[in-house]
N, C-alpha and C. Protein backbone atom coordinates (compact mmCIF):
# COMPACT_ATOMS: atom_id res chain seq x y z
N MET A 1 30.68 6.35 125.01
CA MET A 1 29.33 6.71 125.35
C MET A 1 29.07 8.04 124.30
N LEU A 2 27.80 7.87 123.88
CA LEU A 2 27.39 8.98 123.06
C LEU A 2 26.35 9.92 123.90
N ILE A 3 26.43 11.13 123.63
CA ILE A 3 25.47 12.05 124.44
C ILE A 3 24.10 11.82 124.26
N THR A 4 23.64 11.03 123.28
CA THR A 4 22.35 10.60 123.03
C THR A 4 22.01 9.56 124.07
N GLU A 5 23.21 8.71 124.57
CA GLU A 5 22.73 7.73 125.51
C GLU A 5 22.69 8.56 126.98
N VAL A 6 23.46 9.39 127.01
CA VAL A 6 23.33 10.30 128.38
C VAL A 6 22.02 10.87 128.44
N ASN A 7 21.62 11.48 127.39
CA ASN A 7 20.21 12.12 127.17
C ASN A 7 19.01 11.16 127.49
N LYS A 8 19.23 9.87 127.30
CA LYS A 8 18.20 8.99 127.48
C LYS A 8 18.19 8.42 129.01
N MET A 9 19.17 8.70 129.79
CA MET A 9 19.31 8.03 131.10
C MET A 9 18.18 8.46 132.13
N ARG A 10 17.73 7.35 132.77
CA ARG A 10 16.70 7.74 133.79
C ARG A 10 17.44 8.31 134.89
N PHE A 11 16.64 9.01 135.72
CA PHE A 11 17.33 9.68 136.85
C PHE A 11 18.26 8.92 137.60
N LYS A 12 17.84 7.76 138.16
CA LYS A 12 18.76 7.02 138.99
C LYS A 12 20.08 6.58 138.32
N GLU A 13 20.00 6.16 137.07
CA GLU A 13 21.12 5.82 136.23
C GLU A 13 21.99 7.11 136.17
N PHE A 14 21.57 8.21 135.84
CA PHE A 14 22.37 9.42 135.71
C PHE A 14 23.00 9.77 136.98
N ILE A 15 22.24 9.69 138.27
CA ILE A 15 22.80 9.97 139.46
C ILE A 15 23.97 8.98 139.68
N ARG A 16 23.79 7.84 139.47
CA ARG A 16 24.80 6.65 139.84
C ARG A 16 25.90 6.89 139.03
N LEU A 17 25.90 7.37 137.62
CA LEU A 17 27.16 7.47 136.87
C LEU A 17 27.78 8.74 137.20
N PHE A 18 26.89 10.05 137.30
CA PHE A 18 27.54 11.34 137.32
C PHE A 18 27.41 11.90 138.74
N GLY A 19 26.88 11.17 139.78
CA GLY A 19 26.61 11.63 141.13
C GLY A 19 27.98 12.01 141.85
N ASN A 20 29.20 11.61 141.37
CA ASN A 20 30.34 12.19 142.04
C ASN A 20 31.39 12.91 141.28
N VAL A 21 30.75 13.66 140.05
CA VAL A 21 31.64 14.42 139.23
C VAL A 21 32.07 15.51 140.16
N ILE A 22 31.14 15.95 141.26
CA ILE A 22 31.70 16.85 142.35
C ILE A 22 31.58 15.97 143.59
N GLU A 23 32.68 15.82 144.10
CA GLU A 23 32.87 14.85 145.11
C GLU A 23 31.84 14.94 146.24
N ASN A 24 31.06 13.77 146.54
CA ASN A 24 30.02 13.54 147.46
C ASN A 24 29.00 14.57 147.46
N CYS A 25 28.68 15.08 146.20
CA CYS A 25 27.61 16.05 145.96
C CYS A 25 26.65 15.42 144.83
N PRO A 26 25.97 14.30 144.92
CA PRO A 26 25.11 13.91 144.05
C PRO A 26 23.91 14.96 143.85
N LEU A 27 23.79 15.78 144.76
CA LEU A 27 22.67 16.82 144.56
C LEU A 27 22.94 17.62 143.25
N VAL A 28 24.15 17.77 142.93
CA VAL A 28 24.55 18.72 141.63
C VAL A 28 24.08 17.84 140.44
N ALA A 29 24.24 16.51 140.53
CA ALA A 29 23.78 15.75 139.17
C ALA A 29 22.34 15.72 139.38
N ALA A 30 21.67 15.49 140.45
CA ALA A 30 20.20 15.47 140.34
C ALA A 30 19.58 16.71 139.93
N ALA A 31 20.24 17.92 140.27
CA ALA A 31 19.72 19.14 139.76
C ALA A 31 19.94 19.35 138.40
N VAL A 32 20.98 18.86 137.66
CA VAL A 32 21.21 19.15 136.17
C VAL A 32 20.66 18.02 135.32
N TRP A 33 20.17 16.91 135.94
CA TRP A 33 19.28 15.98 135.15
C TRP A 33 18.19 16.47 134.45
N SER A 34 17.53 17.53 135.04
CA SER A 34 16.44 18.08 134.43
C SER A 34 16.74 18.99 133.26
N ASP A 35 18.04 19.20 133.00
CA ASP A 35 18.54 20.06 131.88
C ASP A 35 18.71 19.12 130.70
N LEU A 36 18.59 17.79 130.81
CA LEU A 36 18.61 16.85 129.66
C LEU A 36 17.46 17.09 128.89
N PRO A 37 17.56 17.17 127.53
CA PRO A 37 18.81 16.74 126.65
C PRO A 37 19.74 17.76 126.54
N VAL A 38 21.06 17.55 126.34
CA VAL A 38 22.10 18.54 126.23
C VAL A 38 22.79 18.08 124.85
N ARG A 39 23.34 18.96 124.19
CA ARG A 39 24.00 18.90 122.76
C ARG A 39 25.08 18.18 122.96
N ASN A 40 26.05 18.21 123.96
CA ASN A 40 27.31 17.57 124.02
C ASN A 40 27.79 17.56 125.58
N LEU A 41 28.96 17.04 125.73
CA LEU A 41 29.47 16.93 127.03
C LEU A 41 29.74 18.49 127.60
N GLU A 42 30.24 19.27 126.71
CA GLU A 42 30.37 20.68 127.17
C GLU A 42 29.11 21.31 127.68
N SER A 43 28.10 21.04 127.12
CA SER A 43 26.73 21.43 127.43
C SER A 43 26.35 20.94 128.96
N LEU A 44 26.83 19.71 129.15
CA LEU A 44 26.44 19.19 130.60
C LEU A 44 27.38 19.96 131.48
N GLN A 45 28.71 20.07 131.33
CA GLN A 45 29.52 20.90 132.18
C GLN A 45 28.83 22.24 132.36
N THR A 46 28.57 22.87 131.29
CA THR A 46 27.77 24.21 131.37
C THR A 46 26.59 24.30 132.50
N SER A 47 25.91 23.21 132.26
CA SER A 47 24.75 23.04 133.30
C SER A 47 25.20 22.93 134.69
N ILE A 48 26.20 22.12 134.90
CA ILE A 48 26.65 21.84 136.16
C ILE A 48 27.38 23.18 136.77
N GLU A 49 28.16 23.80 135.77
CA GLU A 49 28.75 25.21 136.33
C GLU A 49 27.74 26.14 136.69
N LYS A 50 26.57 26.30 135.85
CA LYS A 50 25.55 27.14 136.05
C LYS A 50 24.95 26.92 137.39
N PHE A 51 24.73 25.72 137.85
CA PHE A 51 24.06 25.21 139.06
C PHE A 51 25.06 25.83 140.18
N VAL A 52 26.16 25.43 139.98
CA VAL A 52 27.22 25.70 141.13
C VAL A 52 27.47 27.25 141.42
N ASP A 53 27.42 28.09 140.23
CA ASP A 53 27.58 29.36 140.28
C ASP A 53 26.34 30.00 140.96
N GLN A 54 25.20 29.43 140.94
CA GLN A 54 23.90 30.09 141.42
C GLN A 54 23.76 29.74 142.80
N LEU A 55 24.80 28.84 143.42
CA LEU A 55 24.65 28.58 144.85
C LEU A 55 25.00 29.90 145.68
N SER A 56 24.34 29.97 146.68
CA SER A 56 24.75 31.02 147.84
C SER A 56 26.16 30.73 148.22
N SER A 57 26.87 31.74 148.75
CA SER A 57 28.16 31.44 149.36
C SER A 57 28.20 30.31 150.38
N ALA A 58 27.08 30.24 151.32
CA ALA A 58 27.03 29.00 152.14
C ALA A 58 26.83 27.85 151.42
N GLY A 59 26.02 27.72 150.25
CA GLY A 59 26.06 26.57 149.55
C GLY A 59 27.23 26.13 148.86
N LYS A 60 28.05 27.15 148.34
CA LYS A 60 29.44 26.81 147.81
C LYS A 60 30.43 26.29 148.81
N VAL A 61 30.36 26.91 150.02
CA VAL A 61 31.21 26.29 151.16
C VAL A 61 30.80 25.03 151.30
N GLY A 62 29.64 24.73 151.37
CA GLY A 62 28.94 23.26 151.81
C GLY A 62 29.54 22.33 150.69
N MET A 63 29.55 22.78 149.49
CA MET A 63 29.93 21.86 148.48
C MET A 63 31.64 21.58 148.63
N LEU A 64 32.35 22.53 149.02
CA LEU A 64 33.68 22.46 149.27
C LEU A 64 33.88 21.65 150.42
N ARG A 65 33.14 21.60 151.42
CA ARG A 65 33.25 20.89 152.59
C ARG A 65 33.15 19.20 152.33
N CYS A 66 32.56 19.06 151.29
CA CYS A 66 32.34 17.61 150.85
C CYS A 66 33.54 16.94 150.13
N LEU A 67 34.66 17.75 149.78
CA LEU A 67 35.92 17.36 149.38
C LEU A 67 36.77 16.83 150.42
N PRO A 68 37.57 15.74 150.29
CA PRO A 68 38.54 15.32 151.17
C PRO A 68 39.71 15.95 151.08
N ASP A 69 40.31 16.02 152.36
CA ASP A 69 41.75 16.58 152.51
C ASP A 69 42.64 15.94 151.60
N LEU A 70 43.52 16.75 151.05
CA LEU A 70 44.56 16.08 150.19
C LEU A 70 45.58 15.32 151.01
N ALA A 71 45.59 14.12 150.66
CA ALA A 71 46.70 13.10 151.49
C ALA A 71 46.21 13.02 152.86
N GLY A 72 45.01 13.21 153.32
CA GLY A 72 44.55 13.37 154.66
C GLY A 72 44.08 12.00 155.36
N ARG A 73 43.35 12.08 156.31
CA ARG A 73 42.85 11.03 157.08
C ARG A 73 42.13 9.88 156.28
N LEU A 74 41.23 10.42 155.35
CA LEU A 74 40.49 9.47 154.49
C LEU A 74 41.42 8.65 153.57
N ALA A 75 42.44 9.34 152.97
CA ALA A 75 43.35 8.85 152.21
C ALA A 75 44.00 7.54 153.00
N ALA A 76 44.57 7.93 154.09
CA ALA A 76 45.38 7.20 154.91
C ALA A 76 44.48 5.86 155.34
N ALA A 77 43.20 6.14 155.35
CA ALA A 77 42.22 4.86 155.88
C ALA A 77 41.61 4.13 154.64
N GLY A 78 41.99 4.67 153.49
CA GLY A 78 41.42 4.05 152.16
C GLY A 78 39.99 4.29 152.06
N GLN A 79 39.58 5.33 152.59
CA GLN A 79 38.08 5.74 152.34
C GLN A 79 37.76 6.75 151.45
N MET A 80 38.48 7.19 150.61
CA MET A 80 38.17 8.01 149.67
C MET A 80 37.55 7.37 148.42
N SER A 81 36.86 8.30 147.61
CA SER A 81 36.23 7.76 146.37
C SER A 81 37.35 7.14 145.46
N ASP A 82 36.82 6.37 144.54
CA ASP A 82 37.86 5.93 143.53
C ASP A 82 38.45 7.03 142.74
N ASP A 83 37.48 8.03 142.38
CA ASP A 83 37.95 9.17 141.72
C ASP A 83 39.06 9.78 142.45
N SER A 84 38.87 10.24 143.70
CA SER A 84 39.93 10.97 144.40
C SER A 84 41.10 10.14 144.66
N LYS A 85 40.91 8.94 144.79
CA LYS A 85 42.21 8.08 144.91
C LYS A 85 43.06 8.12 143.76
N LEU A 86 42.42 7.99 142.47
CA LEU A 86 43.17 8.00 141.19
C LEU A 86 43.89 9.52 141.11
N GLU A 87 43.13 10.40 141.24
CA GLU A 87 43.63 11.95 141.16
C GLU A 87 44.74 12.20 142.13
N GLN A 88 44.57 11.74 143.30
CA GLN A 88 45.75 12.10 144.32
C GLN A 88 46.94 11.16 143.97
N LYS A 89 46.75 9.90 143.53
CA LYS A 89 47.81 9.16 143.08
C LYS A 89 48.68 9.90 141.86
N ALA A 90 47.82 10.34 140.88
CA ALA A 90 48.24 10.97 139.78
C ALA A 90 49.21 12.15 140.11
N ALA A 91 48.94 12.73 141.25
CA ALA A 91 49.61 13.89 141.77
C ALA A 91 50.87 13.47 142.50
N GLY A 92 50.98 12.20 142.97
CA GLY A 92 52.10 11.67 143.54
C GLY A 92 51.81 11.93 145.14
N LEU A 93 50.51 12.09 145.58
CA LEU A 93 50.25 12.28 146.99
C LEU A 93 50.22 10.87 147.67
N ASP A 94 50.23 9.81 146.97
CA ASP A 94 50.30 8.56 147.63
C ASP A 94 51.68 8.20 147.94
N ASP A 95 52.52 9.04 147.60
CA ASP A 95 53.99 8.67 147.73
C ASP A 95 54.66 9.77 148.34
N LEU A 96 54.26 10.28 149.54
CA LEU A 96 54.88 11.54 150.30
C LEU A 96 55.91 10.91 151.22
N THR A 97 57.00 11.68 151.48
CA THR A 97 57.78 11.34 152.39
C THR A 97 57.32 11.64 153.75
N PRO A 98 57.91 11.04 154.92
CA PRO A 98 57.16 11.50 156.23
C PRO A 98 57.26 12.97 156.37
N SER A 99 58.30 13.52 155.95
CA SER A 99 58.33 15.03 156.06
C SER A 99 57.33 15.77 155.26
N GLU A 100 57.24 15.34 154.00
CA GLU A 100 56.10 16.00 153.35
C GLU A 100 54.74 15.74 153.85
N LYS A 101 54.38 14.40 154.34
CA LYS A 101 53.21 14.04 154.90
C LYS A 101 52.95 14.97 156.03
N SER A 102 53.87 15.08 156.89
CA SER A 102 53.81 15.93 158.09
C SER A 102 53.25 17.44 157.65
N GLN A 103 54.19 18.05 156.59
CA GLN A 103 53.97 19.30 156.23
C GLN A 103 52.61 19.44 155.56
N ILE A 104 52.11 18.52 154.83
CA ILE A 104 50.70 18.67 154.19
C ILE A 104 49.58 18.57 155.28
N ASN A 105 49.88 17.67 156.27
CA ASN A 105 48.92 17.72 157.35
C ASN A 105 48.69 18.79 158.19
N SER A 106 49.95 19.59 158.42
CA SER A 106 50.02 20.86 159.12
C SER A 106 49.29 21.86 158.31
N LEU A 107 49.72 22.00 157.13
CA LEU A 107 48.97 22.92 156.18
C LEU A 107 47.58 22.83 156.11
N ASN A 108 47.08 21.54 155.84
CA ASN A 108 45.68 21.13 155.65
C ASN A 108 44.98 21.63 156.96
N LYS A 109 45.46 21.42 158.09
CA LYS A 109 44.91 21.85 159.27
C LYS A 109 44.65 23.44 159.49
N ARG A 110 45.77 24.05 159.10
CA ARG A 110 45.84 25.47 159.20
C ARG A 110 44.70 26.12 158.16
N TYR A 111 44.91 25.49 157.11
CA TYR A 111 43.88 25.93 155.92
C TYR A 111 42.34 25.89 156.36
N LYS A 112 42.00 24.58 156.97
CA LYS A 112 40.77 24.18 157.30
C LYS A 112 40.32 25.14 158.45
N ASP A 113 41.18 25.29 159.40
CA ASP A 113 40.89 26.17 160.46
C ASP A 113 40.49 27.54 160.17
N LYS A 114 41.35 28.05 159.22
CA LYS A 114 41.14 29.45 158.70
C LYS A 114 39.92 29.58 157.86
N PHE A 115 39.74 28.66 157.02
CA PHE A 115 38.55 28.89 155.99
C PHE A 115 37.27 28.01 156.24
N GLY A 116 37.46 26.86 156.95
CA GLY A 116 36.29 26.18 157.27
C GLY A 116 35.92 25.27 156.31
N PHE A 117 36.80 24.79 155.27
CA PHE A 117 36.58 23.78 154.23
C PHE A 117 38.06 23.44 153.81
N PRO A 118 38.21 22.27 153.25
CA PRO A 118 39.54 21.77 152.86
C PRO A 118 40.00 22.52 151.70
N PHE A 119 41.35 22.51 151.47
CA PHE A 119 42.10 23.13 150.40
C PHE A 119 41.69 22.23 149.06
N VAL A 120 41.38 22.96 147.97
CA VAL A 120 40.82 22.36 146.88
C VAL A 120 41.72 22.82 145.68
N ILE A 121 42.23 21.71 145.06
CA ILE A 121 43.08 22.03 144.00
C ILE A 121 42.98 20.71 142.97
N CYS A 122 43.08 21.07 141.60
CA CYS A 122 42.82 20.04 140.73
C CYS A 122 44.07 19.07 140.84
N ALA A 123 44.00 18.06 141.57
CA ALA A 123 45.30 17.15 141.67
C ALA A 123 45.85 16.69 140.42
N ARG A 124 44.89 16.39 139.45
CA ARG A 124 45.34 15.77 138.22
C ARG A 124 46.14 16.84 137.33
N GLU A 125 46.00 18.12 137.62
CA GLU A 125 46.67 18.97 136.95
C GLU A 125 48.03 19.66 137.62
N ASN A 126 48.21 18.88 138.83
CA ASN A 126 49.41 19.36 139.65
C ASN A 126 50.17 18.15 140.05
N LYS A 127 51.36 18.35 140.55
CA LYS A 127 52.10 17.36 141.28
C LYS A 127 52.23 17.81 142.75
N LYS A 128 52.84 16.95 143.61
CA LYS A 128 52.89 17.11 145.02
C LYS A 128 53.63 18.47 145.32
N ASP A 129 54.81 18.75 144.83
CA ASP A 129 55.49 19.98 144.97
C ASP A 129 54.66 21.13 144.77
N ALA A 130 54.03 21.18 143.71
CA ALA A 130 53.16 22.42 143.31
C ALA A 130 52.01 22.54 144.34
N ILE A 131 51.41 21.24 144.60
CA ILE A 131 50.34 21.37 145.56
C ILE A 131 50.66 21.91 147.08
N LEU A 132 51.84 21.38 147.38
CA LEU A 132 52.36 21.86 148.77
C LEU A 132 52.65 23.37 148.74
N LYS A 133 53.36 23.81 147.62
CA LYS A 133 53.58 25.20 147.48
C LYS A 133 52.28 26.07 147.36
N GLY A 134 51.28 25.54 146.63
CA GLY A 134 50.05 26.39 146.52
C GLY A 134 49.23 26.30 147.81
N LEU A 135 49.27 25.38 148.47
CA LEU A 135 48.63 25.21 149.74
C LEU A 135 49.17 26.17 150.76
N ALA A 136 50.62 26.33 150.76
CA ALA A 136 51.29 27.35 151.69
C ALA A 136 50.91 28.75 151.24
N GLN A 137 50.90 29.00 149.91
CA GLN A 137 50.67 30.39 149.42
C GLN A 137 49.08 30.81 149.63
N ARG A 138 48.16 29.95 149.39
CA ARG A 138 46.81 30.30 149.50
C ARG A 138 46.44 30.49 150.85
N LEU A 139 47.19 30.08 151.89
CA LEU A 139 46.81 30.37 153.33
C LEU A 139 46.72 31.82 153.41
N ASN A 140 47.45 32.66 152.62
CA ASN A 140 47.52 33.96 152.84
C ASN A 140 46.25 34.73 152.29
N ASN A 141 45.46 34.00 151.48
CA ASN A 141 44.25 34.61 150.92
C ASN A 141 43.16 34.93 151.87
N GLU A 142 42.16 35.70 151.37
CA GLU A 142 40.97 35.88 152.14
C GLU A 142 39.98 34.95 151.84
N LYS A 143 39.03 34.66 152.79
CA LYS A 143 37.93 33.59 152.53
C LYS A 143 37.20 33.67 151.33
N ASP A 144 36.75 34.75 150.81
CA ASP A 144 35.94 34.97 149.57
C ASP A 144 36.72 34.62 148.53
N GLN A 145 38.02 34.99 148.44
CA GLN A 145 39.04 34.65 147.36
C GLN A 145 39.11 33.12 147.34
N GLU A 146 39.28 32.45 148.35
CA GLU A 146 39.48 30.88 148.40
C GLU A 146 38.22 30.26 148.12
N ILE A 147 37.02 30.73 148.32
CA ILE A 147 35.83 30.24 147.92
C ILE A 147 35.76 30.21 146.33
N ARG A 148 36.16 31.42 145.82
CA ARG A 148 36.16 31.49 144.28
C ARG A 148 37.14 30.44 143.63
N ILE A 149 38.36 30.53 144.26
CA ILE A 149 39.43 29.57 143.65
C ILE A 149 38.90 28.06 143.82
N GLY A 150 38.45 27.71 144.98
CA GLY A 150 37.96 26.26 145.35
C GLY A 150 36.98 26.02 144.40
N VAL A 151 36.05 26.89 143.99
CA VAL A 151 34.91 26.58 143.06
C VAL A 151 35.42 26.50 141.64
N SER A 152 36.45 27.19 141.41
CA SER A 152 37.03 27.13 140.00
C SER A 152 37.92 25.79 139.80
N GLU A 153 38.43 25.24 140.86
CA GLU A 153 39.21 24.03 140.95
C GLU A 153 38.17 22.93 140.95
N VAL A 154 37.09 22.99 141.54
CA VAL A 154 36.28 21.94 141.59
C VAL A 154 35.51 21.78 139.97
N LYS A 155 35.36 23.02 139.40
CA LYS A 155 34.84 22.84 138.16
C LYS A 155 36.00 22.07 137.08
N LYS A 156 37.40 22.36 137.40
CA LYS A 156 38.30 21.60 136.63
C LYS A 156 38.16 20.13 136.78
N ILE A 157 38.10 19.89 138.23
CA ILE A 157 37.98 18.31 138.63
C ILE A 157 36.81 17.77 137.88
N CYS A 158 35.55 18.47 137.93
CA CYS A 158 34.41 17.92 137.29
C CYS A 158 34.58 17.73 135.90
N TRP A 159 35.08 18.64 135.19
CA TRP A 159 35.22 18.36 133.74
C TRP A 159 36.25 17.22 133.55
N LEU A 160 37.32 17.06 134.16
CA LEU A 160 38.09 15.84 133.99
C LEU A 160 37.34 14.53 134.32
N ARG A 161 36.54 14.45 135.48
CA ARG A 161 35.78 13.39 135.78
C ARG A 161 34.71 13.04 134.67
N LEU A 162 34.06 13.96 134.14
CA LEU A 162 32.93 13.92 133.18
C LEU A 162 33.60 13.15 131.98
N THR A 163 34.80 13.78 131.60
CA THR A 163 35.48 13.19 130.24
C THR A 163 35.89 11.75 130.49
N ARG A 164 36.47 11.49 131.73
CA ARG A 164 36.98 10.04 132.01
C ARG A 164 35.67 9.25 132.03
N ILE A 165 34.60 9.51 132.75
CA ILE A 165 33.41 8.72 132.64
C ILE A 165 33.02 8.30 131.20
N VAL A 166 32.80 9.26 130.50
CA VAL A 166 32.34 9.17 129.06
C VAL A 166 33.33 8.28 128.30
N SER A 167 34.66 8.52 128.45
CA SER A 167 35.57 7.67 127.69
C SER A 167 35.54 6.31 128.08
N GLN A 168 35.43 6.02 129.39
CA GLN A 168 35.47 4.75 129.85
C GLN A 168 34.32 4.04 129.47
N ARG A 169 33.06 4.70 129.49
CA ARG A 169 31.93 4.02 129.02
C ARG A 169 31.91 3.78 127.50
N SER A 170 32.71 4.68 126.80
CA SER A 170 32.83 4.40 125.31
C SER A 170 33.62 3.21 125.07
N SER A 171 34.58 2.87 125.77
CA SER A 171 35.39 1.74 125.60
C SER A 171 34.96 0.37 125.91
N LEU A 172 33.62 0.44 126.67
CA LEU A 172 33.22 -0.92 127.08
C LEU A 172 32.56 -1.70 126.15
């Protein structure tokens, strides 16, 4: 897909295609559609990041709350987005031992109870052991620090999703 094709997209088509680059937050895509035309995919990512950075702390937490728990209830029920399924599978989170599953569920609950949103890490850049270790370590952080880290991880996820969408569409 060429950026010229993205720039010509109507609002609904743009939302349909890019509405989940930040999980369950089509509002982000809706907001950045007005920034079209963009020079390239990096410019689109910059628009998304600028929108996210301008959110209030409560807005950032709201965005983080839209993401699923890693290997959580939605994964077990098969109710995650296709993007999340692929990302968690790539990290090996679909192949946890019963002990690892118990550990991640316990850590996810503690994390969510402490911070009010799920643990966010770019699963495609990590494997299950690193994710479990990171989850345990980040429980020691302060909420503001975790909001910053979570938003940074969302941006990584967003970039990988953007590049996947465009490369898939290019090969059609």
